[in-house]
Amino acid sequence: QVQLVESGGGSVQAGGSLTLSCVASTDTRDVGCMGWFRQVPGKVREGVARIYIGNGYTFTPDSVKDRFAISQDGAKNTIYLRMNNLRPEDTAMYFCAAAVRALGYAGNSFGGCRFNSWGQGTQVTVSS
């Protein structure tokens, strides 16, 4: 069982920035990918950033490209999501996710990975 604990959410005005953090309870070398998703009530969970743990390659979809950036600190088993120029439509619950090798390859597909472990989420609210 992998535990993922997010932090850093909050309320911010449009144009502002936030950095989310996610600490994994396992050595991230046991993980192929980690990523960030967001979800608004009644809508499908949407991937916003992915990082390959081994080589650090990242992916962000066009919807957040140039505003969101994902990074990792392997020594701390932690990933980050830096969000700049936030917009009201970025308001959502943000979830950290991991593709844990030992858990197999079923799960939410995003950025070439299948995510099978999830954090509890951290709320981000952007006001206009």
Protein backbone atom coordinates (compact mmCIF):
# COMPACT_ATOMS: atom_id res chain seq x y z
CA GLN A 1 0.00 0.00 0.00
CA VAL A 2 1.44 3.34 -1.06
CA GLN A 3 0.32 6.45 0.71
CA LEU A 4 0.38 9.77 -1.09
CA VAL A 5 -0.12 12.94 0.93
CA GLU A 6 -0.78 16.22 -0.82
CA SER A 7 -0.38 19.69 0.60
CA GLY A 8 -0.24 23.28 -0.61
CA GLY A 9 -3.77 23.88 -1.81
CA GLY A 10 -5.68 26.98 -0.91
CA SER A 11 -7.45 30.04 -2.20
CA VAL A 12 -5.81 32.50 -4.55
CA GLN A 13 -6.86 35.30 -6.85
CA ALA A 14 -6.72 34.94 -10.61
CA GLY A 15 -3.20 35.47 -11.86
CA GLY A 16 -1.69 34.13 -8.68
CA SER A 17 0.49 31.08 -8.08
CA LEU A 18 0.47 28.01 -5.89
CA THR A 19 2.81 25.07 -5.44
CA LEU A 20 1.38 21.70 -4.48
CA SER A 21 3.50 19.00 -2.87
CA CYS A 22 2.99 15.25 -2.68
CA VAL A 23 5.00 12.98 -0.43
CA ALA A 24 5.03 9.26 -1.20
CA SER A 25 5.38 6.71 1.59
CA THR A 26 7.46 4.46 -0.64
CA ASP A 27 10.77 4.97 -2.35
CA THR A 28 9.85 6.63 -5.62
CA ARG A 29 12.26 4.27 -7.36
CA ASP A 30 9.45 1.70 -6.94
CA VAL A 31 7.23 3.97 -9.00
CA GLY A 32 7.28 4.35 -12.76
CA CYS A 33 5.42 7.63 -12.98
CA MET A 34 3.83 10.18 -10.73
CA GLY A 35 1.37 12.82 -11.68
CA TRP A 36 -1.28 15.33 -10.80
CA PHE A 37 -4.96 15.18 -11.66
CA ARG A 38 -7.81 17.50 -10.91
CA GLN A 39 -11.53 17.01 -10.60
CA VAL A 40 -14.56 19.23 -10.37
CA PRO A 41 -17.76 17.69 -8.95
CA GLY A 42 -19.75 16.03 -11.70
CA LYS A 43 -16.85 15.96 -14.14
CA VAL A 44 -14.25 13.40 -15.13
CA ARG A 45 -10.90 13.47 -13.37
CA GLU A 46 -8.41 15.26 -15.65
CA GLY A 47 -4.66 14.73 -15.80
CA VAL A 48 -2.65 17.96 -15.65
CA ALA A 49 0.96 16.83 -15.30
CA ARG A 50 3.06 13.67 -15.36
CA ILE A 51 6.68 12.90 -14.61
CA TYR A 52 8.68 9.76 -15.32
CA ILE A 53 10.53 9.07 -12.09
CA GLY A 54 13.51 7.42 -13.76
CA ASN A 55 14.53 10.09 -16.27
CA GLY A 56 12.50 13.07 -15.11
CA TYR A 57 10.70 13.54 -18.42
CA THR A 58 7.53 15.53 -17.96
CA PHE A 59 4.27 16.00 -19.78
CA THR A 60 1.59 18.64 -19.43
CA PRO A 61 -1.46 18.85 -21.69
CA ASP A 62 -2.23 21.93 -23.77
CA SER A 63 -4.88 23.03 -21.29
CA VAL A 64 -2.20 23.95 -18.72
CA LYS A 65 0.99 24.01 -20.75
CA ASP A 66 3.24 27.01 -19.98
CA ARG A 67 1.39 27.60 -16.69
CA PHE A 68 1.84 24.31 -14.78
CA ALA A 69 5.11 22.51 -14.17
CA ILE A 70 5.81 19.24 -12.40
CA SER A 71 9.09 18.41 -10.70
CA GLN A 72 10.50 15.85 -8.28
CA ASP A 73 12.86 15.56 -5.37
CA GLY A 74 13.86 11.90 -5.26
CA ALA A 75 15.69 12.27 -1.97
CA LYS A 76 12.43 13.32 -0.34
CA ASN A 77 10.13 10.98 -2.33
CA THR A 78 8.24 14.12 -3.25
CA ILE A 79 6.79 15.66 -6.37
CA TYR A 80 5.62 19.20 -6.85
CA LEU A 81 3.16 21.02 -9.09
CA ARG A 82 3.95 24.66 -9.64
CA MET A 83 0.90 26.51 -10.94
CA ASN A 84 1.30 30.01 -12.32
CA ASN A 85 -1.17 32.51 -13.74
CA LEU A 86 -4.06 30.64 -12.18
CA ARG A 87 -7.52 31.07 -13.65
CA PRO A 88 -10.97 30.55 -12.09
CA GLU A 89 -11.40 27.48 -14.30
CA ASP A 90 -8.42 25.89 -12.52
CA THR A 91 -10.58 25.62 -9.41
CA ALA A 92 -10.77 21.92 -8.52
CA MET A 93 -9.68 19.23 -6.12
CA TYR A 94 -6.14 18.28 -7.07
CA PHE A 95 -4.97 14.71 -6.59
CA CYS A 96 -1.50 13.25 -6.55
CA ALA A 97 -1.19 9.88 -8.27
CA ALA A 98 1.42 7.20 -8.75
CA ALA A 99 1.95 4.24 -11.06
CA VAL A 100 3.31 1.71 -8.58
CA ARG A 101 5.00 -1.15 -10.41
CA ALA A 102 4.05 -3.80 -7.85
CA LEU A 103 0.34 -3.00 -8.25
CA GLY A 104 0.23 -3.82 -11.93
CA TYR A 105 -0.91 -1.83 -14.93
CA ALA A 106 -4.60 -1.14 -14.40
CA GLY A 107 -5.78 2.34 -13.57
CA ASN A 108 -6.32 5.80 -15.00
CA SER A 109 -4.34 6.30 -18.19
CA PHE A 110 -2.57 9.62 -18.70
CA GLY A 111 0.63 10.68 -20.39
CA GLY A 112 1.69 7.12 -21.16
CA CYS A 113 1.21 5.85 -17.60
CA ARG A 114 -1.49 3.99 -15.73
CA PHE A 115 -2.01 5.44 -12.30
CA ASN A 116 -3.08 2.98 -9.60
CA SER A 117 -2.51 4.88 -6.35
CA TRP A 118 -4.11 8.13 -5.24
CA GLY A 119 -3.86 10.73 -2.56
CA GLN A 120 -6.88 12.22 -0.83
CA GLY A 121 -6.65 15.52 -2.66
CA THR A 122 -6.08 19.16 -1.88
CA GLN A 123 -8.52 21.90 -2.85
CA VAL A 124 -7.46 24.78 -5.08
CA THR A 125 -9.86 27.70 -5.42
CA VAL A 126 -9.16 30.58 -7.78
CA SER A 127 -11.32 33.67 -7.52
CA SER A 128 -11.77 36.26 -10.26
